[in-house]
Amino acid sequence: MKQSGRNNKASIYTRVSTADQEKNGFGMSSQEKICRDKCKAKGFAVYKLYSEPDVSGTKPALKRPIFGQLMDDARNGKFKYIIFGSLDRFARNLFDARTVWNECDKLGVEIISCREEHLDSSTAVGKYMTNMILGAAEFESDLIK
């Protein structure tokens, strides 16, 4: 993994399942704004914006084309942080999310959620709370099916 020059670089990932989400206040533009605000507040340079409209969070993250590009760039050491508007934009399947999260940990890439910013997945309590939030997102998705 290449690491030179990535120390303050962040990638932003936005995703919506339906066009209705744009109308309900957490569409692509809203997600991008809060992620850019978070980068600015933390002093991160935005490396790239990865956006996936009309892609369900139930589709495995690594099978989403744009998310796959994001992970390829992470593997190539292009950035240190991945910024999401909220964890349910990341994934709606606990196993899928943990698989990606574990890979990011091994790569030295930190995942930051703007809505759940208090979570620290490096601690036991933080891992537990992250799993609970991701589990709730999966539960909500299962109810919608």
N, C-alpha and C. Protein backbone atom coordinates (compact mmCIF):
# COMPACT_ATOMS: atom_id res chain seq x y z
N MET A 1 0.84 -1.18 0.00
CA MET A 1 0.00 0.00 0.00
C MET A 1 0.88 1.24 0.00
N LYS A 2 0.64 2.12 -0.95
CA LYS A 2 1.35 3.39 -1.03
C LYS A 2 0.74 4.36 -0.04
N GLN A 3 1.58 5.16 0.65
CA GLN A 3 1.04 6.07 1.65
C GLN A 3 1.51 7.50 1.50
N SER A 4 2.41 7.77 0.58
CA SER A 4 2.95 9.12 0.52
C SER A 4 1.89 10.14 0.14
N GLY A 5 1.85 11.25 0.88
CA GLY A 5 0.97 12.35 0.57
C GLY A 5 -0.50 12.16 0.87
N ARG A 6 -0.86 11.14 1.58
CA ARG A 6 -2.29 10.88 1.82
C ARG A 6 -2.74 11.30 3.22
N ASN A 7 -1.86 11.79 4.05
CA ASN A 7 -2.15 12.00 5.46
C ASN A 7 -3.35 12.87 5.77
N ASN A 8 -3.62 13.89 4.97
CA ASN A 8 -4.79 14.72 5.27
C ASN A 8 -5.85 14.64 4.17
N LYS A 9 -5.74 13.66 3.29
CA LYS A 9 -6.70 13.54 2.19
C LYS A 9 -7.88 12.67 2.57
N ALA A 10 -9.05 13.13 2.16
CA ALA A 10 -10.28 12.40 2.45
C ALA A 10 -11.08 12.21 1.17
N SER A 11 -11.74 11.08 1.09
CA SER A 11 -12.69 10.84 0.01
C SER A 11 -14.08 10.90 0.59
N ILE A 12 -14.98 11.43 -0.19
CA ILE A 12 -16.39 11.56 0.22
C ILE A 12 -17.19 10.55 -0.60
N TYR A 13 -18.07 9.81 0.09
CA TYR A 13 -18.95 8.86 -0.59
C TYR A 13 -20.40 9.24 -0.30
N THR A 14 -21.18 9.41 -1.36
CA THR A 14 -22.60 9.69 -1.22
C THR A 14 -23.38 8.64 -2.00
N ARG A 15 -24.57 8.32 -1.48
CA ARG A 15 -25.42 7.31 -2.13
C ARG A 15 -26.87 7.57 -1.77
N VAL A 16 -27.73 7.40 -2.75
CA VAL A 16 -29.17 7.38 -2.50
C VAL A 16 -29.76 6.18 -3.23
N SER A 17 -30.82 5.63 -2.65
CA SER A 17 -31.52 4.50 -3.28
C SER A 17 -32.57 4.99 -4.26
N THR A 18 -33.21 6.11 -3.92
CA THR A 18 -34.32 6.61 -4.73
C THR A 18 -34.23 8.12 -4.88
N ALA A 19 -34.89 8.63 -5.91
CA ALA A 19 -34.95 10.08 -6.12
C ALA A 19 -35.69 10.77 -5.00
N ASP A 20 -36.61 10.07 -4.32
CA ASP A 20 -37.36 10.65 -3.20
C ASP A 20 -36.44 11.11 -2.07
N GLN A 21 -35.30 10.48 -1.91
CA GLN A 21 -34.40 10.86 -0.83
C GLN A 21 -33.89 12.29 -1.01
N GLU A 22 -33.75 12.73 -2.24
CA GLU A 22 -33.31 14.11 -2.49
C GLU A 22 -34.36 15.08 -1.96
N LYS A 23 -35.63 14.72 -2.12
CA LYS A 23 -36.73 15.58 -1.67
C LYS A 23 -36.89 15.55 -0.15
N ASN A 24 -36.47 14.46 0.48
CA ASN A 24 -36.68 14.28 1.92
C ASN A 24 -35.52 14.77 2.77
N GLY A 25 -34.61 15.52 2.18
CA GLY A 25 -33.60 16.19 2.99
C GLY A 25 -32.27 15.49 3.15
N PHE A 26 -32.10 14.28 2.62
CA PHE A 26 -30.79 13.65 2.75
C PHE A 26 -30.35 13.06 1.42
N GLY A 27 -30.51 13.88 0.37
CA GLY A 27 -30.10 13.48 -0.96
C GLY A 27 -28.62 13.67 -1.16
N MET A 28 -28.20 13.49 -2.38
CA MET A 28 -26.78 13.56 -2.73
C MET A 28 -26.17 14.92 -2.39
N SER A 29 -26.87 15.99 -2.73
CA SER A 29 -26.32 17.32 -2.49
C SER A 29 -26.20 17.61 -0.99
N SER A 30 -27.19 17.17 -0.22
CA SER A 30 -27.14 17.37 1.24
C SER A 30 -25.99 16.57 1.85
N GLN A 31 -25.85 15.33 1.40
CA GLN A 31 -24.75 14.49 1.90
C GLN A 31 -23.40 15.11 1.56
N GLU A 32 -23.27 15.54 0.33
CA GLU A 32 -21.99 16.13 -0.09
C GLU A 32 -21.66 17.36 0.75
N LYS A 33 -22.66 18.21 1.00
CA LYS A 33 -22.42 19.43 1.78
C LYS A 33 -21.93 19.12 3.19
N ILE A 34 -22.62 18.21 3.89
CA ILE A 34 -22.18 17.94 5.27
C ILE A 34 -20.82 17.25 5.30
N CYS A 35 -20.53 16.45 4.27
CA CYS A 35 -19.22 15.80 4.20
C CYS A 35 -18.12 16.83 3.92
N ARG A 36 -18.39 17.75 3.02
CA ARG A 36 -17.39 18.80 2.74
C ARG A 36 -17.19 19.70 3.96
N ASP A 37 -18.29 19.99 4.67
CA ASP A 37 -18.18 20.78 5.90
C ASP A 37 -17.33 20.04 6.94
N LYS A 38 -17.51 18.73 7.04
CA LYS A 38 -16.73 17.93 7.99
C LYS A 38 -15.26 17.96 7.60
N CYS A 39 -14.96 17.81 6.32
CA CYS A 39 -13.57 17.86 5.85
C CYS A 39 -12.93 19.21 6.20
N LYS A 40 -13.68 20.27 5.95
CA LYS A 40 -13.17 21.61 6.24
C LYS A 40 -12.89 21.77 7.74
N ALA A 41 -13.84 21.31 8.57
CA ALA A 41 -13.68 21.43 10.02
C ALA A 41 -12.47 20.64 10.54
N LYS A 42 -12.17 19.53 9.89
CA LYS A 42 -11.07 18.68 10.34
C LYS A 42 -9.76 18.99 9.62
N GLY A 43 -9.80 19.92 8.66
CA GLY A 43 -8.59 20.28 7.93
C GLY A 43 -8.18 19.26 6.88
N PHE A 44 -9.14 18.48 6.39
CA PHE A 44 -8.85 17.48 5.36
C PHE A 44 -8.98 18.10 3.97
N ALA A 45 -8.11 17.70 3.08
CA ALA A 45 -8.25 18.05 1.67
C ALA A 45 -9.11 16.97 1.01
N VAL A 46 -10.08 17.38 0.22
CA VAL A 46 -10.94 16.40 -0.45
C VAL A 46 -10.19 15.84 -1.66
N TYR A 47 -9.91 14.55 -1.61
CA TYR A 47 -9.24 13.88 -2.71
C TYR A 47 -10.21 13.69 -3.88
N LYS A 48 -11.42 13.15 -3.57
CA LYS A 48 -12.37 12.85 -4.63
C LYS A 48 -13.75 12.63 -4.03
N LEU A 49 -14.77 12.96 -4.81
CA LEU A 49 -16.16 12.67 -4.46
C LEU A 49 -16.60 11.46 -5.26
N TYR A 50 -17.10 10.45 -4.56
CA TYR A 50 -17.63 9.23 -5.17
C TYR A 50 -19.13 9.23 -4.91
N SER A 51 -19.95 9.28 -5.96
CA SER A 51 -21.40 9.38 -5.79
C SER A 51 -22.09 8.26 -6.55
N GLU A 52 -23.06 7.63 -5.88
CA GLU A 52 -23.84 6.57 -6.51
C GLU A 52 -25.34 6.85 -6.34
N PRO A 53 -25.95 7.45 -7.36
CA PRO A 53 -27.40 7.65 -7.31
C PRO A 53 -28.12 6.36 -7.68
N ASP A 54 -29.29 6.18 -7.10
CA ASP A 54 -30.16 5.04 -7.42
C ASP A 54 -29.50 3.69 -7.19
N VAL A 55 -28.73 3.58 -6.11
CA VAL A 55 -28.09 2.31 -5.76
C VAL A 55 -28.49 1.96 -4.33
N SER A 56 -29.10 0.81 -4.18
CA SER A 56 -29.55 0.38 -2.86
C SER A 56 -28.38 0.03 -1.95
N GLY A 57 -28.53 0.40 -0.68
CA GLY A 57 -27.54 0.05 0.33
C GLY A 57 -27.54 -1.44 0.63
N THR A 58 -28.56 -2.15 0.14
CA THR A 58 -28.59 -3.60 0.34
C THR A 58 -27.67 -4.31 -0.66
N LYS A 59 -27.29 -3.61 -1.74
CA LYS A 59 -26.33 -4.19 -2.68
C LYS A 59 -24.97 -4.16 -1.99
N PRO A 60 -24.27 -5.28 -1.96
CA PRO A 60 -22.97 -5.30 -1.27
C PRO A 60 -22.06 -4.17 -1.74
N ALA A 61 -21.44 -3.52 -0.79
CA ALA A 61 -20.62 -2.34 -1.08
C ALA A 61 -19.59 -2.62 -2.16
N LEU A 62 -18.91 -3.75 -2.07
CA LEU A 62 -17.85 -4.03 -3.03
C LEU A 62 -18.37 -4.41 -4.41
N LYS A 63 -19.69 -4.59 -4.54
CA LYS A 63 -20.28 -4.88 -5.84
C LYS A 63 -20.90 -3.62 -6.46
N ARG A 64 -20.82 -2.51 -5.76
CA ARG A 64 -21.26 -1.23 -6.32
C ARG A 64 -20.07 -0.66 -7.09
N PRO A 65 -20.28 -0.29 -8.36
CA PRO A 65 -19.14 0.16 -9.18
C PRO A 65 -18.35 1.32 -8.58
N ILE A 66 -19.03 2.35 -8.12
CA ILE A 66 -18.33 3.53 -7.61
C ILE A 66 -17.65 3.21 -6.27
N PHE A 67 -18.34 2.45 -5.42
CA PHE A 67 -17.71 2.07 -4.14
C PHE A 67 -16.48 1.21 -4.41
N GLY A 68 -16.56 0.36 -5.42
CA GLY A 68 -15.39 -0.44 -5.80
C GLY A 68 -14.21 0.44 -6.20
N GLN A 69 -14.49 1.53 -6.94
CA GLN A 69 -13.42 2.47 -7.30
C GLN A 69 -12.83 3.12 -6.06
N LEU A 70 -13.70 3.50 -5.12
CA LEU A 70 -13.25 4.11 -3.87
C LEU A 70 -12.30 3.16 -3.14
N MET A 71 -12.68 1.88 -3.05
CA MET A 71 -11.83 0.92 -2.35
C MET A 71 -10.53 0.65 -3.11
N ASP A 72 -10.58 0.65 -4.43
CA ASP A 72 -9.33 0.50 -5.21
C ASP A 72 -8.39 1.65 -4.89
N ASP A 73 -8.93 2.87 -4.82
CA ASP A 73 -8.10 4.03 -4.48
C ASP A 73 -7.58 3.93 -3.04
N ALA A 74 -8.40 3.41 -2.14
CA ALA A 74 -7.95 3.21 -0.76
C ALA A 74 -6.79 2.21 -0.73
N ARG A 75 -6.92 1.13 -1.47
CA ARG A 75 -5.85 0.11 -1.52
C ARG A 75 -4.56 0.67 -2.11
N ASN A 76 -4.69 1.68 -2.97
CA ASN A 76 -3.53 2.30 -3.59
C ASN A 76 -3.02 3.51 -2.80
N GLY A 77 -3.54 3.68 -1.58
CA GLY A 77 -3.02 4.71 -0.68
C GLY A 77 -3.30 6.14 -1.11
N LYS A 78 -4.40 6.38 -1.79
CA LYS A 78 -4.71 7.71 -2.31
C LYS A 78 -5.22 8.68 -1.23
N PHE A 79 -5.75 8.15 -0.13
CA PHE A 79 -6.32 8.99 0.93
C PHE A 79 -6.28 8.25 2.25
N LYS A 80 -6.52 8.99 3.31
CA LYS A 80 -6.47 8.44 4.68
C LYS A 80 -7.86 8.29 5.29
N TYR A 81 -8.85 9.03 4.78
CA TYR A 81 -10.19 9.05 5.39
C TYR A 81 -11.26 8.84 4.34
N ILE A 82 -12.32 8.14 4.74
CA ILE A 82 -13.55 8.05 3.94
C ILE A 82 -14.63 8.71 4.77
N ILE A 83 -15.30 9.69 4.17
CA ILE A 83 -16.33 10.45 4.87
C ILE A 83 -17.69 10.10 4.26
N PHE A 84 -18.63 9.72 5.15
CA PHE A 84 -20.00 9.43 4.77
C PHE A 84 -20.92 10.40 5.49
N GLY A 85 -22.09 10.65 4.91
CA GLY A 85 -23.08 11.45 5.61
C GLY A 85 -23.61 10.72 6.84
N SER A 86 -23.85 9.44 6.69
CA SER A 86 -24.29 8.59 7.81
C SER A 86 -23.95 7.15 7.47
N LEU A 87 -23.91 6.31 8.50
CA LEU A 87 -23.51 4.92 8.30
C LEU A 87 -24.43 4.16 7.35
N ASP A 88 -25.73 4.53 7.31
CA ASP A 88 -26.62 3.80 6.41
C ASP A 88 -26.37 4.13 4.94
N ARG A 89 -25.59 5.18 4.65
CA ARG A 89 -25.17 5.45 3.27
C ARG A 89 -24.05 4.50 2.88
N PHE A 90 -23.32 4.04 3.86
CA PHE A 90 -22.20 3.12 3.70
C PHE A 90 -22.71 1.73 3.34
N ALA A 91 -23.57 1.19 4.18
CA ALA A 91 -24.09 -0.17 3.94
C ALA A 91 -25.33 -0.39 4.80
N ARG A 92 -26.16 -1.31 4.34
CA ARG A 92 -27.34 -1.71 5.11
C ARG A 92 -27.30 -3.20 5.41
N ASN A 93 -26.10 -3.71 5.51
CA ASN A 93 -25.88 -5.10 5.87
C ASN A 93 -24.68 -5.13 6.80
N LEU A 94 -24.88 -5.62 8.00
CA LEU A 94 -23.84 -5.58 9.02
C LEU A 94 -22.59 -6.33 8.60
N PHE A 95 -22.75 -7.53 8.06
CA PHE A 95 -21.60 -8.32 7.66
C PHE A 95 -20.80 -7.60 6.57
N ASP A 96 -21.50 -7.09 5.57
CA ASP A 96 -20.86 -6.36 4.47
C ASP A 96 -20.10 -5.16 5.01
N ALA A 97 -20.74 -4.39 5.85
CA ALA A 97 -20.10 -3.20 6.42
C ALA A 97 -18.86 -3.57 7.23
N ARG A 98 -18.96 -4.59 8.06
CA ARG A 98 -17.81 -4.98 8.89
C ARG A 98 -16.66 -5.49 8.02
N THR A 99 -16.99 -6.19 6.93
CA THR A 99 -15.94 -6.68 6.02
C THR A 99 -15.15 -5.51 5.44
N VAL A 100 -15.86 -4.51 4.94
CA VAL A 100 -15.20 -3.33 4.37
C VAL A 100 -14.46 -2.57 5.46
N TRP A 101 -15.10 -2.40 6.61
CA TRP A 101 -14.49 -1.64 7.72
C TRP A 101 -13.19 -2.31 8.15
N ASN A 102 -13.20 -3.64 8.25
CA ASN A 102 -11.99 -4.36 8.65
C ASN A 102 -10.87 -4.18 7.62
N GLU A 103 -11.23 -4.20 6.34
CA GLU A 103 -10.21 -3.96 5.32
C GLU A 103 -9.65 -2.55 5.44
N CYS A 104 -10.52 -1.58 5.66
CA CYS A 104 -10.06 -0.20 5.83
C CYS A 104 -9.12 -0.09 7.03
N ASP A 105 -9.46 -0.76 8.12
CA ASP A 105 -8.58 -0.75 9.29
C ASP A 105 -7.19 -1.26 8.92
N LYS A 106 -7.14 -2.36 8.17
CA LYS A 106 -5.85 -2.93 7.77
C LYS A 106 -5.08 -1.99 6.84
N LEU A 107 -5.81 -1.23 6.04
CA LEU A 107 -5.18 -0.29 5.12
C LEU A 107 -4.77 1.02 5.80
N GLY A 108 -5.22 1.21 7.04
CA GLY A 108 -4.95 2.47 7.72
C GLY A 108 -5.85 3.60 7.26
N VAL A 109 -7.02 3.24 6.73
CA VAL A 109 -8.00 4.23 6.27
C VAL A 109 -9.10 4.33 7.31
N GLU A 110 -9.35 5.53 7.79
CA GLU A 110 -10.35 5.75 8.83
C GLU A 110 -11.69 6.11 8.20
N ILE A 111 -12.75 5.48 8.69
CA ILE A 111 -14.11 5.77 8.23
C ILE A 111 -14.75 6.75 9.21
N ILE A 112 -15.28 7.84 8.67
CA ILE A 112 -15.91 8.86 9.50
C ILE A 112 -17.33 9.10 8.99
N SER A 113 -18.28 9.02 9.89
CA SER A 113 -19.67 9.32 9.58
C SER A 113 -20.02 10.68 10.18
N CYS A 114 -20.59 11.55 9.36
CA CYS A 114 -20.94 12.89 9.85
C CYS A 114 -22.04 12.83 10.91
N ARG A 115 -23.03 12.00 10.71
CA ARG A 115 -24.14 11.91 11.67
C ARG A 115 -23.75 11.18 12.94
N GLU A 116 -22.92 10.19 12.82
CA GLU A 116 -22.51 9.39 13.99
C GLU A 116 -21.05 9.68 14.32
N GLU A 117 -20.70 10.95 14.34
CA GLU A 117 -19.30 11.34 14.47
C GLU A 117 -18.67 10.96 15.80
N HIS A 118 -19.47 10.69 16.80
CA HIS A 118 -18.96 10.36 18.13
C HIS A 118 -18.44 8.92 18.20
N LEU A 119 -18.69 8.12 17.17
CA LEU A 119 -18.27 6.73 17.20
C LEU A 119 -16.78 6.60 16.97
N ASP A 120 -16.14 5.79 17.78
CA ASP A 120 -14.72 5.50 17.63
C ASP A 120 -14.59 3.98 17.54
N SER A 121 -14.49 3.48 16.31
CA SER A 121 -14.49 2.03 16.13
C SER A 121 -13.19 1.36 16.59
N SER A 122 -12.27 2.14 17.12
CA SER A 122 -11.04 1.54 17.65
C SER A 122 -11.22 1.08 19.10
N THR A 123 -12.36 1.42 19.72
CA THR A 123 -12.63 0.99 21.10
C THR A 123 -13.72 -0.07 21.10
N ALA A 124 -13.78 -0.84 22.17
CA ALA A 124 -14.81 -1.88 22.29
C ALA A 124 -16.21 -1.27 22.26
N VAL A 125 -16.42 -0.19 22.99
CA VAL A 125 -17.73 0.46 23.02
C VAL A 125 -18.06 1.04 21.64
N GLY A 126 -17.08 1.64 21.00
CA GLY A 126 -17.28 2.20 19.67
C GLY A 126 -17.65 1.14 18.65
N LYS A 127 -16.98 -0.01 18.69
CA LYS A 127 -17.31 -1.11 17.78
C LYS A 127 -18.73 -1.61 18.04
N TYR A 128 -19.07 -1.73 19.31
CA TYR A 128 -20.41 -2.19 19.68
C TYR A 128 -21.48 -1.22 19.14
N MET A 129 -21.29 0.06 19.38
CA MET A 129 -22.26 1.06 18.93
C MET A 129 -22.34 1.12 17.40
N THR A 130 -21.20 1.01 16.73
CA THR A 130 -21.20 0.98 15.26
C THR A 130 -21.99 -0.21 14.76
N ASN A 131 -21.76 -1.37 15.36
CA ASN A 131 -22.50 -2.57 14.97
C ASN A 131 -23.99 -2.42 15.23
N MET A 132 -24.35 -1.77 16.33
CA MET A 132 -25.77 -1.57 16.64
C MET A 132 -26.43 -0.65 15.59
N ILE A 133 -25.76 0.41 15.21
CA ILE A 133 -26.31 1.34 14.21
C ILE A 133 -26.42 0.65 12.85
N LEU A 134 -25.37 -0.07 12.47
CA LEU A 134 -25.41 -0.79 11.20
C LEU A 134 -26.47 -1.90 11.23
N GLY A 135 -26.62 -2.56 12.37
CA GLY A 135 -27.66 -3.58 12.52
C GLY A 135 -29.05 -2.98 12.40
N ALA A 136 -29.25 -1.80 12.95
CA ALA A 136 -30.55 -1.11 12.84
C ALA A 136 -30.82 -0.73 11.39
N ALA A 137 -29.79 -0.32 10.65
CA ALA A 137 -29.96 0.00 9.23
C ALA A 137 -30.36 -1.24 8.44
N GLU A 138 -29.75 -2.38 8.77
CA GLU A 138 -30.12 -3.64 8.11
C GLU A 138 -31.56 -4.03 8.46
N PHE A 139 -31.93 -3.87 9.72
CA PHE A 139 -33.29 -4.17 10.17
C PHE A 139 -34.30 -3.32 9.40
N GLU A 140 -34.03 -2.01 9.31
CA GLU A 140 -34.92 -1.10 8.58
C GLU A 140 -35.05 -1.52 7.12
N SER A 141 -33.93 -1.88 6.52
CA SER A 141 -33.95 -2.32 5.13
C SER A 141 -34.77 -3.60 4.95
N ASP A 142 -34.64 -4.52 5.89
CA ASP A 142 -35.41 -5.78 5.83
C ASP A 142 -36.91 -5.50 5.95
N LEU A 143 -37.29 -4.51 6.72
CA LEU A 143 -38.71 -4.18 6.86
C LEU A 143 -39.28 -3.60 5.56
N ILE A 144 -38.45 -2.91 4.80
CA ILE A 144 -38.89 -2.28 3.56
C ILE A 144 -39.08 -3.30 2.44
N LYS A 145 -38.29 -4.36 2.47
CA LYS A 145 -38.35 -5.37 1.39
C LYS A 145 -39.72 -5.96 1.21
